[in-house]
Amino acid sequence: MNDTHIITIERHIIEEERRHPEARGAFSNVLSDLALAAKVISRQVNMAGLVDILGRAGHRNVQGEDVQKLDVFAQDVIWRAMDHTGHLCCMASEEVEEFMPIPDKFPAGDYVLLFDPLDGSSNIDVNVSIGTIFSIHRKVSKSERGAEEDCLQPGHRQMAAGYVLYGSSTMMVYTTGEGVHGFTLDPSIGEFILSHENIRIPDPPSRYYSVNEAYFSRWTPEMQAHVARLKDPDREEGGFSSRYIGSLVADAHRTLMRGGLFMYPGDRLNPRGKLRLQYEANPLAFIVEQAGGRASDGRTRILDREPDHLHERIPLFLGSDSMVRDVEAALGKMGGFGPGAGVYGR
């Protein structure tokens, strides 16, 4: 008799909820609804080469970037999966300029969802892994259907964060502040199955770093010197190897599973960084810290930053604790890469 112990994501969420007798179930339902949206997006991503959904939609988003057809699809799926449930008061998306109150025709709840519907969508046409990133907060305003302040909370107030990686398999990774767990989608039964319980970033870390070195000439001398030190084959422990995919979710996932260091620094053209604090950096930082790692903007813990606006951009360094501290020490010589810091932040 097969005694394989299968745990679906719904069962895992329910079992976690039972550890909190005061829970009313609404928060758990938000996570379950996100898992459903991920299944729908995964199906469409896997069919992208077979249907007319590849390519650009013909307009640009608030970031000034070309919107891909799958971006539009993913945005719509998440909105429609979450807008009517009565658990959220509002949402905010990387693809939309303003925060999005739940429509008046639906009941409103006490939670806020921030999300990047399809990160790395420029890689769609070449079949590179892409992903969805999400963050959940509790409402802090008195507005029934939320206010911008509900979406501008620092990362340490997140109640949950996660991402979905659409790769060789579809995997959903999330944390509620009590460890990080990964679930792999079994397409034969249409369920996310617990495949990676209590993920921990390896310590000591792997000898990998991840950064787009095409921008080397635009970095500060301190950043250039730090990468040169990582690569130096004559150092006592040998040089580090570069692993860069160019899809944030995929690069962050590899760093989470293998350890090492992911870097997206500020540079001469983007002194304040390029990744979005609320939709990318905060949720990934929460996950990495819960797995025993560290996330920083080069001088400040990501989760301690007070956001200024919905689409604020920042530098991001995340991965194994010791390697992030090393890069902080190196960049600390110039004061870091935050706003107003260093030769590129003045």
C-alpha atoms as a PDB file:
ATOM      1  CA  MET A   1       0.000   0.000   0.000  1.00  0.00           C
ATOM      2  CA  ASN A   2       1.332   3.457  -0.958  1.00  0.00           C
ATOM      3  CA  ASP A   3       1.744   5.569   2.197  1.00  0.00           C
ATOM      4  CA  THR A   4       3.020   8.668   0.389  1.00  0.00           C
ATOM      5  CA  HIS A   5       2.041  11.708   2.422  1.00  0.00           C
ATOM      6  CA  ILE A   6       0.693  14.302  -0.022  1.00  0.00           C
ATOM      7  CA  ILE A   7       0.070  17.817   1.232  1.00  0.00           C
ATOM      8  CA  THR A   8      -1.667  20.259  -1.092  1.00  0.00           C
ATOM      9  CA  ILE A   9      -1.234  23.984  -0.701  1.00  0.00           C
ATOM     10  CA  GLU A  10      -4.844  24.278   0.500  1.00  0.00           C
ATOM     11  CA  ARG A  11      -4.237  21.688   3.212  1.00  0.00           C
ATOM     12  CA  HIS A  12      -0.999  23.402   4.228  1.00  0.00           C
ATOM     13  CA  ILE A  13      -2.742  26.771   4.495  1.00  0.00           C
ATOM     14  CA  ILE A  14      -5.533  25.261   6.629  1.00  0.00           C
ATOM     15  CA  GLU A  15      -3.052  23.507   8.928  1.00  0.00           C
ATOM     16  CA  GLU A  16      -1.122  26.762   9.372  1.00  0.00           C
ATOM     17  CA  GLU A  17      -4.383  28.561  10.163  1.00  0.00           C
ATOM     18  CA  ARG A  18      -5.205  26.060  12.917  1.00  0.00           C
ATOM     19  CA  ARG A  19      -2.090  27.210  14.740  1.00  0.00           C
ATOM     20  CA  HIS A  20      -3.846  30.541  15.198  1.00  0.00           C
ATOM     21  CA  PRO A  21      -7.228  29.985  16.929  1.00  0.00           C
ATOM     22  CA  GLU A  22      -8.122  33.649  16.483  1.00  0.00           C
ATOM     23  CA  ALA A  23      -7.979  33.351  12.677  1.00  0.00           C
ATOM     24  CA  ARG A  24     -11.252  33.847  10.820  1.00  0.00           C
ATOM     25  CA  GLY A  25     -10.192  32.231   7.555  1.00  0.00           C
ATOM     26  CA  ALA A  26     -10.161  35.360   5.371  1.00  0.00           C
ATOM     27  CA  PHE A  27      -6.368  35.548   5.195  1.00  0.00           C
ATOM     28  CA  SER A  28      -6.148  31.854   4.293  1.00  0.00           C
ATOM     29  CA  ASN A  29      -8.703  32.379   1.551  1.00  0.00           C
ATOM     30  CA  VAL A  30      -6.586  35.162   0.049  1.00  0.00           C
ATOM     31  CA  LEU A  31      -3.657  32.741  -0.288  1.00  0.00           C
ATOM     32  CA  SER A  32      -5.913  30.046  -1.761  1.00  0.00           C
ATOM     33  CA  ASP A  33      -7.339  32.488  -4.303  1.00  0.00           C
ATOM     34  CA  LEU A  34      -3.808  33.482  -5.334  1.00  0.00           C
ATOM     35  CA  ALA A  35      -2.934  29.826  -5.841  1.00  0.00           C
ATOM     36  CA  LEU A  36      -5.950  29.484  -8.144  1.00  0.00           C
ATOM     37  CA  ALA A  37      -4.901  32.550 -10.143  1.00  0.00           C
ATOM     38  CA  ALA A  38      -1.397  31.086 -10.460  1.00  0.00           C
ATOM     39  CA  LYS A  39      -2.811  27.882 -11.961  1.00  0.00           C
ATOM     40  CA  VAL A  40      -4.715  29.851 -14.596  1.00  0.00           C
ATOM     41  CA  ILE A  41      -1.664  31.958 -15.489  1.00  0.00           C
ATOM     42  CA  SER A  42       0.545  28.851 -15.564  1.00  0.00           C
ATOM     43  CA  ARG A  43      -1.776  27.177 -18.038  1.00  0.00           C
ATOM     44  CA  GLN A  44      -1.671  30.175 -20.344  1.00  0.00           C
ATOM     45  CA  VAL A  45       2.112  30.596 -20.039  1.00  0.00           C
ATOM     46  CA  ASN A  46       2.582  26.945 -20.995  1.00  0.00           C
ATOM     47  CA  MET A  47       0.375  27.446 -24.050  1.00  0.00           C
ATOM     48  CA  ALA A  48       2.016  30.703 -25.083  1.00  0.00           C
ATOM     49  CA  GLY A  49       3.728  29.142 -28.059  1.00  0.00           C
ATOM     50  CA  LEU A  50       0.475  27.628 -29.304  1.00  0.00           C
ATOM     51  CA  VAL A  51      -1.939  30.528 -29.075  1.00  0.00           C
ATOM     52  CA  ASP A  52      -1.874  34.156 -30.148  1.00  0.00           C
ATOM     53  CA  ILE A  53      -0.708  35.540 -26.831  1.00  0.00           C
ATOM     54  CA  LEU A  54       3.005  36.087 -27.372  1.00  0.00           C
ATOM     55  CA  GLY A  55       4.332  39.530 -28.197  1.00  0.00           C
ATOM     56  CA  ARG A  56       3.458  43.082 -27.276  1.00  0.00           C
ATOM     57  CA  ALA A  57       0.012  44.406 -26.489  1.00  0.00           C
ATOM     58  CA  GLY A  58       0.762  47.690 -28.226  1.00  0.00           C
ATOM     59  CA  HIS A  59       1.046  50.104 -25.306  1.00  0.00           C
ATOM     60  CA  ARG A  60       3.313  50.935 -22.364  1.00  0.00           C
ATOM     61  CA  ASN A  61       2.770  50.587 -18.614  1.00  0.00           C
ATOM     62  CA  VAL A  62       3.303  53.237 -15.932  1.00  0.00           C
ATOM     63  CA  GLN A  63       7.018  52.312 -15.886  1.00  0.00           C
ATOM     64  CA  GLY A  64       7.341  53.279 -19.566  1.00  0.00           C
ATOM     65  CA  GLU A  65       7.914  49.663 -20.581  1.00  0.00           C
ATOM     66  CA  ASP A  66       6.258  47.767 -23.424  1.00  0.00           C
ATOM     67  CA  VAL A  67       3.312  45.768 -22.104  1.00  0.00           C
ATOM     68  CA  GLN A  68       3.311  42.144 -23.238  1.00  0.00           C
ATOM     69  CA  LYS A  69       0.057  40.343 -24.035  1.00  0.00           C
ATOM     70  CA  LEU A  70       0.677  37.897 -21.194  1.00  0.00           C
ATOM     71  CA  ASP A  71       1.193  40.870 -18.830  1.00  0.00           C
ATOM     72  CA  VAL A  72      -2.339  42.000 -19.629  1.00  0.00           C
ATOM     73  CA  PHE A  73      -3.705  38.489 -19.214  1.00  0.00           C
ATOM     74  CA  ALA A  74      -1.968  37.928 -15.841  1.00  0.00           C
ATOM     75  CA  GLN A  75      -3.074  41.325 -14.540  1.00  0.00           C
ATOM     76  CA  ASP A  76      -6.678  40.562 -15.462  1.00  0.00           C
ATOM     77  CA  VAL A  77      -6.604  37.039 -13.987  1.00  0.00           C
ATOM     78  CA  ILE A  78      -5.334  38.197 -10.604  1.00  0.00           C
ATOM     79  CA  TRP A  79      -7.744  41.131 -10.460  1.00  0.00           C
ATOM     80  CA  ARG A  80     -10.764  38.991 -11.326  1.00  0.00           C
ATOM     81  CA  ALA A  81      -9.715  36.192  -8.978  1.00  0.00           C
ATOM     82  CA  MET A  82      -9.458  38.598  -6.047  1.00  0.00           C
ATOM     83  CA  ASP A  83     -11.874  41.504  -6.579  1.00  0.00           C
ATOM     84  CA  HIS A  84     -15.133  39.817  -5.546  1.00  0.00           C
ATOM     85  CA  THR A  85     -14.136  37.653  -2.578  1.00  0.00           C
ATOM     86  CA  GLY A  86     -14.794  40.153   0.198  1.00  0.00           C
ATOM     87  CA  HIS A  87     -11.316  39.616   1.695  1.00  0.00           C
ATOM     88  CA  LEU A  88      -9.486  42.607   0.156  1.00  0.00           C
ATOM     89  CA  CYS A  89     -10.120  46.318   0.464  1.00  0.00           C
ATOM     90  CA  CYS A  90      -7.790  47.266  -2.390  1.00  0.00           C
ATOM     91  CA  MET A  91      -4.945  46.138  -4.598  1.00  0.00           C
ATOM     92  CA  ALA A  92      -1.922  47.741  -6.247  1.00  0.00           C
ATOM     93  CA  SER A  93      -0.103  46.436  -9.292  1.00  0.00           C
ATOM     94  CA  GLU A  94       3.169  47.231 -10.966  1.00  0.00           C
ATOM     95  CA  GLU A  95       1.198  47.585 -14.185  1.00  0.00           C
ATOM     96  CA  VAL A  96      -1.251  50.220 -12.891  1.00  0.00           C
ATOM     97  CA  GLU A  97      -0.381  53.771 -11.861  1.00  0.00           C
ATOM     98  CA  GLU A  98      -2.843  54.207  -8.957  1.00  0.00           C
ATOM     99  CA  PHE A  99      -3.993  51.821  -6.249  1.00  0.00           C
ATOM    100  CA  MET A 100      -7.163  49.902  -7.126  1.00  0.00           C
ATOM    101  CA  PRO A 101     -10.084  49.917  -4.652  1.00  0.00           C
ATOM    102  CA  ILE A 102     -12.383  46.914  -4.673  1.00  0.00           C
ATOM    103  CA  PRO A 103     -15.451  47.837  -6.800  1.00  0.00           C
ATOM    104  CA  ASP A 104     -18.490  49.049  -4.902  1.00  0.00           C
ATOM    105  CA  LYS A 105     -20.597  46.155  -6.175  1.00  0.00           C
ATOM    106  CA  PHE A 106     -18.472  43.715  -4.140  1.00  0.00           C
ATOM    107  CA  PRO A 107     -17.911  43.505  -0.351  1.00  0.00           C
ATOM    108  CA  ALA A 108     -14.597  44.833   0.964  1.00  0.00           C
ATOM    109  CA  GLY A 109     -12.306  43.167   3.492  1.00  0.00           C
ATOM    110  CA  ASP A 110      -9.342  43.943   5.710  1.00  0.00           C
ATOM    111  CA  TYR A 111      -6.392  42.942   3.508  1.00  0.00           C
ATOM    112  CA  VAL A 112      -4.310  44.626   0.821  1.00  0.00           C
ATOM    113  CA  LEU A 113      -2.677  42.837  -2.116  1.00  0.00           C
ATOM    114  CA  LEU A 114       0.362  44.232  -3.928  1.00  0.00           C
ATOM    115  CA  PHE A 115       1.585  42.301  -6.948  1.00  0.00           C
ATOM    116  CA  ASP A 116       3.719  42.153 -10.041  1.00  0.00           C
ATOM    117  CA  PRO A 117       1.509  40.070 -12.338  1.00  0.00           C
ATOM    118  CA  LEU A 118       4.240  38.795 -14.655  1.00  0.00           C
ATOM    119  CA  ASP A 119       7.828  39.700 -13.842  1.00  0.00           C
ATOM    120  CA  GLY A 120      10.391  39.055 -16.578  1.00  0.00           C
ATOM    121  CA  SER A 121       7.837  39.207 -19.367  1.00  0.00           C
ATOM    122  CA  SER A 122      10.474  40.425 -21.836  1.00  0.00           C
ATOM    123  CA  ASN A 123      11.760  36.827 -21.715  1.00  0.00           C
ATOM    124  CA  ILE A 124       8.452  35.312 -22.848  1.00  0.00           C
ATOM    125  CA  ASP A 125       9.336  35.029 -26.520  1.00  0.00           C
ATOM    126  CA  VAL A 126      12.569  33.128 -25.784  1.00  0.00           C
ATOM    127  CA  ASN A 127      11.014  30.668 -23.308  1.00  0.00           C
ATOM    128  CA  VAL A 128      12.969  31.828 -20.247  1.00  0.00           C
ATOM    129  CA  SER A 129      11.376  31.380 -16.813  1.00  0.00           C
ATOM    130  CA  ILE A 130       9.115  34.205 -15.660  1.00  0.00           C
ATOM    131  CA  GLY A 131       7.085  34.740 -12.506  1.00  0.00           C
ATOM    132  CA  THR A 132       4.410  36.419 -10.403  1.00  0.00           C
ATOM    133  CA  ILE A 133       5.332  38.192  -7.150  1.00  0.00           C
ATOM    134  CA  PHE A 134       2.867  39.138  -4.399  1.00  0.00           C
ATOM    135  CA  SER A 135       2.709  40.778  -0.988  1.00  0.00           C
ATOM    136  CA  ILE A 136      -0.160  40.908   1.522  1.00  0.00           C
ATOM    137  CA  HIS A 137      -0.702  43.581   4.184  1.00  0.00           C
ATOM    138  CA  ARG A 138      -3.459  44.275   6.672  1.00  0.00           C
ATOM    139  CA  LYS A 139      -5.415  47.480   6.086  1.00  0.00           C
ATOM    140  CA  VAL A 140      -4.321  50.393   8.309  1.00  0.00           C
ATOM    141  CA  SER A 141      -6.575  53.182   7.024  1.00  0.00           C
ATOM    142  CA  LYS A 142     -10.165  53.791   8.055  1.00  0.00           C
ATOM    143  CA  SER A 143     -11.340  53.786   4.463  1.00  0.00           C
ATOM    144  CA  GLU A 144     -13.668  50.884   3.711  1.00  0.00           C
ATOM    145  CA  ARG A 145     -12.102  50.311   0.302  1.00  0.00           C
ATOM    146  CA  GLY A 146      -8.574  51.210   1.187  1.00  0.00           C
ATOM    147  CA  ALA A 147      -6.355  54.201   0.632  1.00  0.00           C
ATOM    148  CA  GLU A 148      -2.895  54.725  -0.778  1.00  0.00           C
ATOM    149  CA  GLU A 149      -1.427  54.567   2.721  1.00  0.00           C
ATOM    150  CA  ASP A 150      -2.558  50.939   2.927  1.00  0.00           C
ATOM    151  CA  CYS A 151      -0.288  50.187  -0.042  1.00  0.00           C
ATOM    152  CA  LEU A 152       2.640  52.238   1.269  1.00  0.00           C
ATOM    153  CA  GLN A 153       3.490  50.212   4.352  1.00  0.00           C
ATOM    154  CA  PRO A 154       7.088  49.151   5.063  1.00  0.00           C
ATOM    155  CA  GLY A 155       8.030  45.586   4.291  1.00  0.00           C
ATOM    156  CA  HIS A 156       8.308  44.480   7.908  1.00  0.00           C
ATOM    157  CA  ARG A 157       4.519  44.812   8.152  1.00  0.00           C
ATOM    158  CA  GLN A 158       3.856  42.203   5.474  1.00  0.00           C
ATOM    159  CA  MET A 159       1.601  39.402   6.591  1.00  0.00           C
ATOM    160  CA  ALA A 160       2.619  37.170   3.707  1.00  0.00           C
ATOM    161  CA  ALA A 161       4.687  37.281   0.571  1.00  0.00           C
ATOM    162  CA  GLY A 162       5.446  34.889  -2.217  1.00  0.00           C
ATOM    163  CA  TYR A 163       6.174  34.257  -5.837  1.00  0.00           C
ATOM    164  CA  VAL A 164       5.173  31.826  -8.545  1.00  0.00           C
ATOM    165  CA  LEU A 165       7.893  30.619 -10.900  1.00  0.00           C
ATOM    166  CA  TYR A 166       6.736  29.482 -14.328  1.00  0.00           C
ATOM    167  CA  GLY A 167       9.660  27.343 -15.491  1.00  0.00           C
ATOM    168  CA  SER A 168      10.293  23.704 -16.315  1.00  0.00           C
ATOM    169  CA  SER A 169       7.665  23.199 -13.629  1.00  0.00           C
ATOM    170  CA  THR A 170       5.414  25.743 -11.955  1.00  0.00           C
ATOM    171  CA  MET A 171       6.344  26.393  -8.348  1.00  0.00           C
ATOM    172  CA  MET A 172       4.706  28.612  -5.719  1.00  0.00           C
ATOM    173  CA  VAL A 173       6.858  29.741  -2.788  1.00  0.00           C
ATOM    174  CA  TYR A 174       5.425  31.729   0.105  1.00  0.00           C
ATOM    175  CA  THR A 175       5.907  32.742   3.705  1.00  0.00           C
ATOM    176  CA  THR A 176       3.547  34.019   6.388  1.00  0.00           C
ATOM    177  CA  GLY A 177       6.442  34.838   8.719  1.00  0.00           C
ATOM    178  CA  GLU A 178       6.810  31.277   9.967  1.00  0.00           C
ATOM    179  CA  GLY A 179       9.262  29.784   7.499  1.00  0.00           C
ATOM    180  CA  VAL A 180       9.311  29.470   3.720  1.00  0.00           C
ATOM    181  CA  HIS A 181       7.558  26.660   1.878  1.00  0.00           C
ATOM    182  CA  GLY A 182       7.529  25.663  -1.779  1.00  0.00           C
ATOM    183  CA  PHE A 183       4.787  23.890  -3.720  1.00  0.00           C
ATOM    184  CA  THR A 184       5.126  22.370  -7.173  1.00  0.00           C
ATOM    185  CA  LEU A 185       2.113  22.223  -9.493  1.00  0.00           C
ATOM    186  CA  ASP A 186       1.185  18.671 -10.476  1.00  0.00           C
ATOM    187  CA  PRO A 187      -0.574  19.199 -13.820  1.00  0.00           C
ATOM    188  CA  SER A 188      -2.078  15.702 -13.746  1.00  0.00           C
ATOM    189  CA  ILE A 189      -4.287  16.603 -10.787  1.00  0.00           C
ATOM    190  CA  GLY A 190      -4.182  20.411 -11.008  1.00  0.00           C
ATOM    191  CA  GLU A 191      -2.873  20.856  -7.456  1.00  0.00           C
ATOM    192  CA  PHE A 192       0.105  22.565  -5.876  1.00  0.00           C
ATOM    193  CA  ILE A 193       1.864  19.865  -3.807  1.00  0.00           C
ATOM    194  CA  LEU A 194       4.285  20.596  -0.961  1.00  0.00           C
ATOM    195  CA  SER A 195       7.698  19.814  -2.424  1.00  0.00           C
ATOM    196  CA  HIS A 196      10.096  22.029  -0.435  1.00  0.00           C
ATOM    197  CA  GLU A 197       9.271  22.337   3.253  1.00  0.00           C
ATOM    198  CA  ASN A 198      10.958  24.948   5.427  1.00  0.00           C
ATOM    199  CA  ILE A 199      13.408  26.208   2.809  1.00  0.00           C
ATOM    200  CA  ARG A 200      16.713  27.504   4.199  1.00  0.00           C
ATOM    201  CA  ILE A 201      19.401  29.344   2.251  1.00  0.00           C
ATOM    202  CA  PRO A 202      22.520  27.114   2.398  1.00  0.00           C
ATOM    203  CA  ASP A 203      25.155  28.110   4.935  1.00  0.00           C
ATOM    204  CA  PRO A 204      28.003  28.229   4.103  1.00  0.00           C
ATOM    205  CA  PRO A 205      26.763  29.729   0.839  1.00  0.00           C
ATOM    206  CA  SER A 206      27.417  28.427  -2.639  1.00  0.00           C
ATOM    207  CA  ARG A 207      30.117  30.219  -4.608  1.00  0.00           C
ATOM    208  CA  TYR A 208      27.740  31.973  -6.984  1.00  0.00           C
ATOM    209  CA  TYR A 209      26.907  35.607  -7.561  1.00  0.00           C
ATOM    210  CA  SER A 210      24.272  36.980  -9.902  1.00  0.00           C
ATOM    211  CA  VAL A 211      24.364  40.419 -11.517  1.00  0.00           C
ATOM    212  CA  ASN A 212      24.059  41.920 -14.992  1.00  0.00           C
ATOM    213  CA  GLU A 213      27.715  42.686 -15.745  1.00  0.00           C
ATOM    214  CA  ALA A 214      26.767  44.425 -18.985  1.00  0.00           C
ATOM    215  CA  TYR A 215      26.299  47.485 -16.747  1.00  0.00           C
ATOM    216  CA  PHE A 216      29.797  47.234 -15.239  1.00  0.00           C
ATOM    217  CA  SER A 217      30.966  50.519 -16.775  1.00  0.00           C
ATOM    218  CA  ARG A 218      27.993  52.345 -15.196  1.00  0.00           C
ATOM    219  CA  TRP A 219      28.653  51.121 -11.650  1.00  0.00           C
ATOM    220  CA  THR A 220      30.501  53.034  -8.974  1.00  0.00           C
ATOM    221  CA  PRO A 221      34.188  52.125  -8.442  1.00  0.00           C
ATOM    222  CA  GLU A 222      33.236  50.396  -5.161  1.00  0.00           C
ATOM    223  CA  MET A 223      30.719  48.148  -6.902  1.00  0.00           C
ATOM    224  CA  GLN A 224      33.180  47.361  -9.673  1.00  0.00           C
ATOM    225  CA  ALA A 225      35.885  46.508  -7.147  1.00  0.00           C
ATOM    226  CA  HIS A 226      33.581  44.224  -5.157  1.00  0.00           C
ATOM    227  CA  VAL A 227      32.617  42.163  -8.210  1.00  0.00           C
ATOM    228  CA  ALA A 228      36.282  41.975  -9.217  1.00  0.00           C
ATOM    229  CA  ARG A 229      37.093  40.586  -5.762  1.00  0.00           C
ATOM    230  CA  LEU A 230      34.337  37.988  -6.061  1.00  0.00           C
ATOM    231  CA  LYS A 231      35.761  36.801  -9.395  1.00  0.00           C
ATOM    232  CA  ASP A 232      39.426  36.843  -8.347  1.00  0.00           C
ATOM    233  CA  PRO A 233      40.737  33.264  -8.858  1.00  0.00           C
ATOM    234  CA  ASP A 234      43.770  34.005  -6.664  1.00  0.00           C
ATOM    235  CA  ARG A 235      41.787  34.589  -3.471  1.00  0.00           C
ATOM    236  CA  GLU A 236      42.353  31.963  -0.796  1.00  0.00           C
ATOM    237  CA  GLU A 237      39.027  30.209  -1.342  1.00  0.00           C
ATOM    238  CA  GLY A 238      39.047  30.699  -5.115  1.00  0.00           C
ATOM    239  CA  GLY A 239      36.885  32.869  -7.314  1.00  0.00           C
ATOM    240  CA  PHE A 240      33.093  32.915  -7.456  1.00  0.00           C
ATOM    241  CA  SER A 241      31.156  31.888 -10.561  1.00  0.00           C
ATOM    242  CA  SER A 242      28.559  34.093 -12.227  1.00  0.00           C
ATOM    243  CA  ARG A 243      25.009  32.830 -12.711  1.00  0.00           C
ATOM    244  CA  TYR A 244      22.622  35.378 -14.237  1.00  0.00           C
ATOM    245  CA  ILE A 245      19.332  34.545 -15.948  1.00  0.00           C
ATOM    246  CA  GLY A 246      17.901  38.042 -16.334  1.00  0.00           C
ATOM    247  CA  SER A 247      14.515  37.116 -14.878  1.00  0.00           C
ATOM    248  CA  LEU A 248      14.191  38.374 -11.300  1.00  0.00           C
ATOM    249  CA  VAL A 249      12.018  35.554  -9.959  1.00  0.00           C
ATOM    250  CA  ALA A 250      14.263  32.910 -11.517  1.00  0.00           C
ATOM    251  CA  ASP A 251      17.468  34.542 -10.234  1.00  0.00           C
ATOM    252  CA  ALA A 252      15.989  35.033  -6.750  1.00  0.00           C
ATOM    253  CA  HIS A 253      14.707  31.448  -6.677  1.00  0.00           C
ATOM    254  CA  ARG A 254      18.109  30.025  -7.591  1.00  0.00           C
ATOM    255  CA  THR A 255      19.727  32.175  -4.890  1.00  0.00           C
ATOM    256  CA  LEU A 256      17.146  31.001  -2.351  1.00  0.00           C
ATOM    257  CA  MET A 257      17.760  27.347  -3.167  1.00  0.00           C
ATOM    258  CA  ARG A 258      21.520  27.391  -3.747  1.00  0.00           C
ATOM    259  CA  GLY A 259      22.701  30.366  -1.714  1.00  0.00           C
ATOM    260  CA  GLY A 260      25.092  33.027  -2.930  1.00  0.00           C
ATOM    261  CA  LEU A 261      24.360  36.637  -3.823  1.00  0.00           C
ATOM    262  CA  PHE A 262      21.942  38.390  -6.176  1.00  0.00           C
ATOM    263  CA  MET A 263      22.672  42.047  -6.970  1.00  0.00           C
ATOM    264  CA  TYR A 264      20.834  44.755  -8.873  1.00  0.00           C
ATOM    265  CA  PRO A 265      22.740  47.899  -7.869  1.00  0.00           C
ATOM    266  CA  GLY A 266      22.090  51.500  -8.670  1.00  0.00           C
ATOM    267  CA  ASP A 267      24.263  52.931 -11.421  1.00  0.00           C
ATOM    268  CA  ARG A 268      25.106  56.098 -13.262  1.00  0.00           C
ATOM    269  CA  LEU A 269      21.846  56.056 -15.265  1.00  0.00           C
ATOM    270  CA  ASN A 270      19.621  54.684 -12.478  1.00  0.00           C
ATOM    271  CA  PRO A 271      21.173  56.032  -9.254  1.00  0.00           C
ATOM    272  CA  ARG A 272      18.135  55.127  -7.179  1.00  0.00           C
ATOM    273  CA  GLY A 273      17.996  51.602  -8.543  1.00  0.00           C
ATOM    274  CA  LYS A 274      15.567  49.967 -10.922  1.00  0.00           C
ATOM    275  CA  LEU A 275      13.612  47.280  -9.054  1.00  0.00           C
ATOM    276  CA  ARG A 276      10.310  48.225  -7.394  1.00  0.00           C
ATOM    277  CA  LEU A 277      10.268  48.344  -3.599  1.00  0.00           C
ATOM    278  CA  GLN A 278       6.629  47.386  -3.070  1.00  0.00           C
ATOM    279  CA  TYR A 279       6.133  44.821  -5.819  1.00  0.00           C
ATOM    280  CA  GLU A 280       9.549  43.118  -6.012  1.00  0.00           C
ATOM    281  CA  ALA A 281      12.072  43.990  -3.303  1.00  0.00           C
ATOM    282  CA  ASN A 282       9.825  43.823  -0.219  1.00  0.00           C
ATOM    283  CA  PRO A 283       8.194  40.438  -0.906  1.00  0.00           C
ATOM    284  CA  LEU A 284      11.486  38.847  -1.960  1.00  0.00           C
ATOM    285  CA  ALA A 285      13.244  40.322   1.084  1.00  0.00           C
ATOM    286  CA  PHE A 286      10.599  38.880   3.413  1.00  0.00           C
ATOM    287  CA  ILE A 287      11.032  35.437   1.853  1.00  0.00           C
ATOM    288  CA  VAL A 288      14.829  35.554   1.950  1.00  0.00           C
ATOM    289  CA  GLU A 289      14.939  36.683   5.592  1.00  0.00           C
ATOM    290  CA  GLN A 290      12.516  33.946   6.597  1.00  0.00           C
ATOM    291  CA  ALA A 291      14.880  31.471   4.922  1.00  0.00           C
ATOM    292  CA  GLY A 292      17.836  32.728   6.972  1.00  0.00           C
ATOM    293  CA  GLY A 293      19.252  35.155   4.431  1.00  0.00           C
ATOM    294  CA  ARG A 294      19.536  38.910   4.200  1.00  0.00           C
ATOM    295  CA  ALA A 295      18.195  41.620   1.853  1.00  0.00           C
ATOM    296  CA  SER A 296      19.550  45.142   1.613  1.00  0.00           C
ATOM    297  CA  ASP A 297      19.666  48.214  -0.621  1.00  0.00           C
ATOM    298  CA  GLY A 298      23.405  48.395   0.014  1.00  0.00           C
ATOM    299  CA  ARG A 299      23.162  50.185   3.339  1.00  0.00           C
ATOM    300  CA  THR A 300      19.656  49.638   4.743  1.00  0.00           C
ATOM    301  CA  ARG A 301      17.603  46.544   5.472  1.00  0.00           C
ATOM    302  CA  ILE A 302      14.968  46.405   2.734  1.00  0.00           C
ATOM    303  CA  LEU A 303      12.126  45.615   5.145  1.00  0.00           C
ATOM    304  CA  ASP A 304      12.863  48.757   7.194  1.00  0.00           C
ATOM    305  CA  ARG A 305      12.543  51.188   4.302  1.00  0.00           C
ATOM    306  CA  GLU A 306       9.585  53.579   4.395  1.00  0.00           C
ATOM    307  CA  PRO A 307       8.115  53.755   0.882  1.00  0.00           C
ATOM    308  CA  ASP A 308       7.602  57.164  -0.684  1.00  0.00           C
ATOM    309  CA  HIS A 309       5.274  56.219  -3.536  1.00  0.00           C
ATOM    310  CA  LEU A 310       3.682  53.182  -5.132  1.00  0.00           C
ATOM    311  CA  HIS A 311       6.271  52.732  -7.857  1.00  0.00           C
ATOM    312  CA  GLU A 312       9.427  53.616  -5.938  1.00  0.00           C
ATOM    313  CA  ARG A 313      12.589  52.003  -7.307  1.00  0.00           C
ATOM    314  CA  ILE A 314      15.569  50.878  -5.255  1.00  0.00           C
ATOM    315  CA  PRO A 315      18.807  48.873  -5.526  1.00  0.00           C
ATOM    316  CA  LEU A 316      18.568  45.291  -4.276  1.00  0.00           C
ATOM    317  CA  PHE A 317      21.107  42.876  -2.798  1.00  0.00           C
ATOM    318  CA  LEU A 318      19.818  39.582  -1.426  1.00  0.00           C
ATOM    319  CA  GLY A 319      21.033  36.105  -0.613  1.00  0.00           C
ATOM    320  CA  SER A 320      23.225  34.435   1.964  1.00  0.00           C
ATOM    321  CA  ASP A 321      23.631  36.592   5.055  1.00  0.00           C
ATOM    322  CA  SER A 322      27.436  36.712   5.007  1.00  0.00           C
ATOM    323  CA  MET A 323      27.630  37.666   1.338  1.00  0.00           C
ATOM    324  CA  VAL A 324      25.095  40.488   1.667  1.00  0.00           C
ATOM    325  CA  ARG A 325      26.985  41.820   4.699  1.00  0.00           C
ATOM    326  CA  ASP A 326      30.197  41.728   2.660  1.00  0.00           C
ATOM    327  CA  VAL A 327      28.710  43.811  -0.114  1.00  0.00           C
ATOM    328  CA  GLU A 328      27.247  46.252   2.440  1.00  0.00           C
ATOM    329  CA  ALA A 329      30.724  46.677   3.931  1.00  0.00           C
ATOM    330  CA  ALA A 330      32.218  47.250   0.488  1.00  0.00           C
ATOM    331  CA  LEU A 331      29.611  49.785  -0.579  1.00  0.00           C
ATOM    332  CA  GLY A 332      29.588  51.375   2.873  1.00  0.00           C
ATOM    333  CA  LYS A 333      32.861  53.062   1.977  1.00  0.00           C
ATOM    334  CA  MET A 334      30.815  55.389  -0.219  1.00  0.00           C
ATOM    335  CA  GLY A 335      27.646  55.420   1.883  1.00  0.00           C
ATOM    336  CA  GLY A 336      25.655  52.858  -0.077  1.00  0.00           C
ATOM    337  CA  PHE A 337      23.350  53.170  -3.055  1.00  0.00           C
ATOM    338  CA  GLY A 338      20.244  54.588  -1.437  1.00  0.00           C
ATOM    339  CA  PRO A 339      18.687  57.934  -2.391  1.00  0.00           C
ATOM    340  CA  GLY A 340      21.177  60.725  -1.856  1.00  0.00           C
ATOM    341  CA  ALA A 341      24.047  58.298  -1.271  1.00  0.00           C
ATOM    342  CA  GLY A 342      27.318  58.007  -3.105  1.00  0.00           C
ATOM    343  CA  VAL A 343      28.533  59.635  -6.272  1.00  0.00           C
ATOM    344  CA  TYR A 344      25.480  58.483  -8.251  1.00  0.00           C
ATOM    345  CA  GLY A 345      22.905  59.460  -5.649  1.00  0.00           C
ATOM    346  CA  ARG A 346      23.686  63.130  -5.200  1.00  0.00           C
END
